Amino acid sequence: REVYFDRYGLWASMVARCGGQEKFFGIADLIYKSQSEWTRAGEPAAIVDELRKIGRLAGLDNETLDECLKDGAKAEALVAWYT
């Protein structure tokens, strides 16, 4: 279950949704399996880089990941849904 305790969880959710419905659960599984690694990457930029690696591993390109991570409307919708 997605939980947004901080911006990192929100970013992870946005990356998971970036691949559409057909890739969501696969990407989410990768995110949860490597959570202890990407959450400890350090600075926010390093955490985003680790999440991007997961997205690329799932077949997403950098341009697609950039668009997903910069989608403010999606971020607001996810936070509202969570709340």
N, C-alpha and C. Protein backbone atom coordinates (compact mmCIF):
# COMPACT_ATOMS: atom_id res chain seq x y z
N ARG A 1 0.84 -1.17 0.00
CA ARG A 1 0.00 0.00 0.00
C ARG A 1 0.89 1.24 0.00
N GLU A 2 0.53 2.19 -0.79
CA GLU A 2 1.30 3.42 -0.87
C GLU A 2 1.02 4.32 0.32
N VAL A 3 2.09 4.83 0.90
CA VAL A 3 1.99 5.74 2.03
C VAL A 3 2.95 6.88 1.77
N TYR A 4 2.47 8.09 1.93
CA TYR A 4 3.29 9.26 1.67
C TYR A 4 3.67 9.96 2.97
N PHE A 5 4.63 9.38 3.68
CA PHE A 5 5.13 10.02 4.90
C PHE A 5 6.00 11.22 4.56
N ASP A 6 6.56 11.20 3.38
CA ASP A 6 7.48 12.24 2.96
C ASP A 6 7.48 12.33 1.44
N ARG A 7 8.25 13.24 0.91
CA ARG A 7 8.31 13.43 -0.54
C ARG A 7 8.91 12.22 -1.25
N TYR A 8 9.73 11.47 -0.56
CA TYR A 8 10.37 10.31 -1.20
C TYR A 8 9.36 9.23 -1.55
N GLY A 9 8.43 8.98 -0.65
CA GLY A 9 7.37 8.03 -0.94
C GLY A 9 6.50 8.48 -2.09
N LEU A 10 6.24 9.78 -2.15
CA LEU A 10 5.46 10.33 -3.26
C LEU A 10 6.22 10.17 -4.57
N TRP A 11 7.51 10.47 -4.55
CA TRP A 11 8.32 10.30 -5.77
C TRP A 11 8.32 8.84 -6.22
N ALA A 12 8.44 7.93 -5.28
CA ALA A 12 8.44 6.50 -5.63
C ALA A 12 7.11 6.12 -6.28
N SER A 13 6.01 6.62 -5.73
CA SER A 13 4.71 6.33 -6.30
C SER A 13 4.59 6.89 -7.71
N MET A 14 5.13 8.07 -7.91
CA MET A 14 5.05 8.69 -9.24
C MET A 14 5.86 7.88 -10.25
N VAL A 15 7.01 7.37 -9.84
CA VAL A 15 7.82 6.52 -10.74
C VAL A 15 7.06 5.24 -11.04
N ALA A 16 6.45 4.63 -10.03
CA ALA A 16 5.70 3.39 -10.24
C ALA A 16 4.56 3.59 -11.24
N ARG A 17 3.91 4.73 -11.18
CA ARG A 17 2.78 5.00 -12.08
C ARG A 17 3.24 5.44 -13.46
N CYS A 18 4.49 5.74 -13.59
CA CYS A 18 5.04 6.27 -14.84
C CYS A 18 4.92 5.26 -16.00
N GLY A 19 4.95 4.00 -15.69
CA GLY A 19 4.89 2.98 -16.73
C GLY A 19 3.48 2.57 -17.12
N GLY A 20 2.49 3.24 -16.56
CA GLY A 20 1.12 2.89 -16.88
C GLY A 20 0.66 1.68 -16.08
N GLN A 21 -0.58 1.29 -16.33
CA GLN A 21 -1.17 0.17 -15.59
C GLN A 21 -0.43 -1.14 -15.79
N GLU A 22 0.08 -1.34 -17.00
CA GLU A 22 0.72 -2.63 -17.28
C GLU A 22 2.06 -2.79 -16.56
N LYS A 23 2.70 -1.70 -16.15
CA LYS A 23 4.00 -1.81 -15.47
C LYS A 23 3.94 -1.42 -13.99
N PHE A 24 2.80 -0.92 -13.54
CA PHE A 24 2.72 -0.38 -12.18
C PHE A 24 3.17 -1.40 -11.13
N PHE A 25 2.59 -2.58 -11.13
CA PHE A 25 2.89 -3.53 -10.07
C PHE A 25 4.33 -4.05 -10.14
N GLY A 26 4.85 -4.20 -11.33
CA GLY A 26 6.24 -4.63 -11.48
C GLY A 26 7.20 -3.58 -10.95
N ILE A 27 6.95 -2.32 -11.29
CA ILE A 27 7.81 -1.24 -10.80
C ILE A 27 7.64 -1.09 -9.29
N ALA A 28 6.41 -1.16 -8.82
CA ALA A 28 6.17 -1.05 -7.37
C ALA A 28 6.90 -2.16 -6.62
N ASP A 29 6.90 -3.37 -7.15
CA ASP A 29 7.63 -4.47 -6.52
C ASP A 29 9.12 -4.16 -6.45
N LEU A 30 9.69 -3.63 -7.54
CA LEU A 30 11.11 -3.27 -7.54
C LEU A 30 11.39 -2.18 -6.51
N ILE A 31 10.50 -1.22 -6.41
CA ILE A 31 10.67 -0.14 -5.45
C ILE A 31 10.64 -0.67 -4.02
N TYR A 32 9.68 -1.54 -3.71
CA TYR A 32 9.60 -2.08 -2.36
C TYR A 32 10.79 -2.99 -2.04
N LYS A 33 11.21 -3.79 -3.00
CA LYS A 33 12.32 -4.71 -2.76
C LYS A 33 13.63 -3.97 -2.51
N SER A 34 13.80 -2.82 -3.14
CA SER A 34 15.06 -2.08 -2.97
C SER A 34 14.89 -0.85 -2.08
N GLN A 35 13.81 -0.80 -1.32
CA GLN A 35 13.51 0.36 -0.50
C GLN A 35 14.63 0.68 0.48
N SER A 36 15.24 -0.32 1.08
CA SER A 36 16.30 -0.06 2.05
C SER A 36 17.53 0.58 1.38
N GLU A 37 17.66 0.41 0.07
CA GLU A 37 18.79 1.01 -0.63
C GLU A 37 18.48 2.44 -1.07
N TRP A 38 17.38 2.65 -1.78
CA TRP A 38 17.13 3.99 -2.32
C TRP A 38 16.78 5.00 -1.24
N THR A 39 16.18 4.55 -0.14
CA THR A 39 15.84 5.50 0.92
C THR A 39 17.07 5.99 1.68
N ARG A 40 18.16 5.27 1.57
CA ARG A 40 19.40 5.64 2.27
C ARG A 40 20.45 6.21 1.33
N ALA A 41 20.03 6.63 0.17
CA ALA A 41 20.99 7.13 -0.82
C ALA A 41 21.59 8.47 -0.43
N GLY A 42 20.97 9.18 0.50
CA GLY A 42 21.52 10.46 0.95
C GLY A 42 20.64 11.64 0.61
N GLU A 43 21.21 12.57 -0.10
CA GLU A 43 20.52 13.80 -0.48
C GLU A 43 19.31 13.48 -1.37
N PRO A 44 18.32 14.39 -1.41
CA PRO A 44 17.15 14.16 -2.26
C PRO A 44 17.50 13.84 -3.72
N ALA A 45 18.49 14.53 -4.27
CA ALA A 45 18.87 14.27 -5.67
C ALA A 45 19.38 12.84 -5.85
N ALA A 46 20.08 12.33 -4.86
CA ALA A 46 20.59 10.95 -4.93
C ALA A 46 19.45 9.95 -4.84
N ILE A 47 18.45 10.25 -4.04
CA ILE A 47 17.29 9.37 -3.93
C ILE A 47 16.53 9.35 -5.25
N VAL A 48 16.35 10.51 -5.85
CA VAL A 48 15.68 10.57 -7.16
C VAL A 48 16.48 9.77 -8.19
N ASP A 49 17.80 9.86 -8.15
CA ASP A 49 18.63 9.09 -9.09
C ASP A 49 18.42 7.59 -8.90
N GLU A 50 18.31 7.15 -7.66
CA GLU A 50 18.07 5.73 -7.40
C GLU A 50 16.69 5.30 -7.90
N LEU A 51 15.70 6.14 -7.72
CA LEU A 51 14.36 5.83 -8.22
C LEU A 51 14.35 5.81 -9.75
N ARG A 52 15.11 6.70 -10.36
CA ARG A 52 15.23 6.70 -11.82
C ARG A 52 15.86 5.40 -12.32
N LYS A 53 16.84 4.90 -11.59
CA LYS A 53 17.48 3.63 -11.96
C LYS A 53 16.45 2.50 -11.99
N ILE A 54 15.57 2.51 -11.00
CA ILE A 54 14.52 1.50 -10.95
C ILE A 54 13.60 1.64 -12.16
N GLY A 55 13.24 2.86 -12.48
CA GLY A 55 12.40 3.11 -13.66
C GLY A 55 13.07 2.65 -14.94
N ARG A 56 14.36 2.93 -15.06
CA ARG A 56 15.08 2.49 -16.27
C ARG A 56 15.18 0.97 -16.34
N LEU A 57 15.37 0.35 -15.18
CA LEU A 57 15.40 -1.11 -15.12
C LEU A 57 14.08 -1.70 -15.63
N ALA A 58 12.99 -0.97 -15.41
CA ALA A 58 11.67 -1.42 -15.86
C ALA A 58 11.39 -1.04 -17.31
N GLY A 59 12.36 -0.40 -17.96
CA GLY A 59 12.20 -0.09 -19.38
C GLY A 59 11.76 1.32 -19.70
N LEU A 60 11.72 2.19 -18.72
CA LEU A 60 11.34 3.58 -18.96
C LEU A 60 12.58 4.39 -19.36
N ASP A 61 12.39 5.37 -20.21
CA ASP A 61 13.52 6.21 -20.59
C ASP A 61 13.57 7.47 -19.72
N ASN A 62 14.69 8.18 -19.77
CA ASN A 62 14.87 9.36 -18.92
C ASN A 62 13.84 10.44 -19.19
N GLU A 63 13.48 10.64 -20.44
CA GLU A 63 12.50 11.66 -20.79
C GLU A 63 11.15 11.37 -20.15
N THR A 64 10.73 10.13 -20.22
CA THR A 64 9.46 9.72 -19.61
C THR A 64 9.51 9.90 -18.10
N LEU A 65 10.62 9.50 -17.49
CA LEU A 65 10.77 9.65 -16.04
C LEU A 65 10.74 11.12 -15.62
N ASP A 66 11.41 11.97 -16.41
CA ASP A 66 11.40 13.41 -16.12
C ASP A 66 9.99 13.96 -16.13
N GLU A 67 9.23 13.60 -17.16
CA GLU A 67 7.85 14.07 -17.27
C GLU A 67 7.01 13.62 -16.09
N CYS A 68 7.18 12.37 -15.70
CA CYS A 68 6.41 11.84 -14.58
C CYS A 68 6.76 12.54 -13.27
N LEU A 69 8.03 12.73 -13.02
CA LEU A 69 8.46 13.33 -11.77
C LEU A 69 8.14 14.82 -11.68
N LYS A 70 7.94 15.46 -12.81
CA LYS A 70 7.63 16.89 -12.83
C LYS A 70 6.13 17.17 -12.94
N ASP A 71 5.33 16.13 -12.91
CA ASP A 71 3.88 16.27 -13.07
C ASP A 71 3.25 16.72 -11.74
N GLY A 72 3.18 18.02 -11.54
CA GLY A 72 2.64 18.57 -10.31
C GLY A 72 1.19 18.22 -10.08
N ALA A 73 0.40 18.18 -11.14
CA ALA A 73 -1.01 17.84 -11.01
C ALA A 73 -1.17 16.40 -10.51
N LYS A 74 -0.35 15.51 -11.02
CA LYS A 74 -0.39 14.11 -10.56
C LYS A 74 0.01 14.03 -9.09
N ALA A 75 1.05 14.75 -8.71
CA ALA A 75 1.50 14.74 -7.32
C ALA A 75 0.39 15.24 -6.39
N GLU A 76 -0.26 16.33 -6.78
CA GLU A 76 -1.35 16.86 -5.97
C GLU A 76 -2.51 15.88 -5.88
N ALA A 77 -2.82 15.23 -6.98
CA ALA A 77 -3.91 14.25 -6.99
C ALA A 77 -3.59 13.06 -6.09
N LEU A 78 -2.34 12.59 -6.12
CA LEU A 78 -1.95 11.46 -5.28
C LEU A 78 -2.02 11.82 -3.80
N VAL A 79 -1.55 13.01 -3.46
CA VAL A 79 -1.60 13.45 -2.07
C VAL A 79 -3.06 13.60 -1.61
N ALA A 80 -3.89 14.15 -2.46
CA ALA A 80 -5.31 14.28 -2.11
C ALA A 80 -5.96 12.92 -1.95
N TRP A 81 -5.62 11.97 -2.82
CA TRP A 81 -6.15 10.61 -2.71
C TRP A 81 -5.69 9.96 -1.40
N TYR A 82 -4.43 10.13 -1.07
CA TYR A 82 -3.89 9.55 0.15
C TYR A 82 -4.56 10.15 1.39
N THR A 83 -4.74 11.46 1.35
CA THR A 83 -5.34 12.16 2.50
C THR A 83 -6.77 11.72 2.69
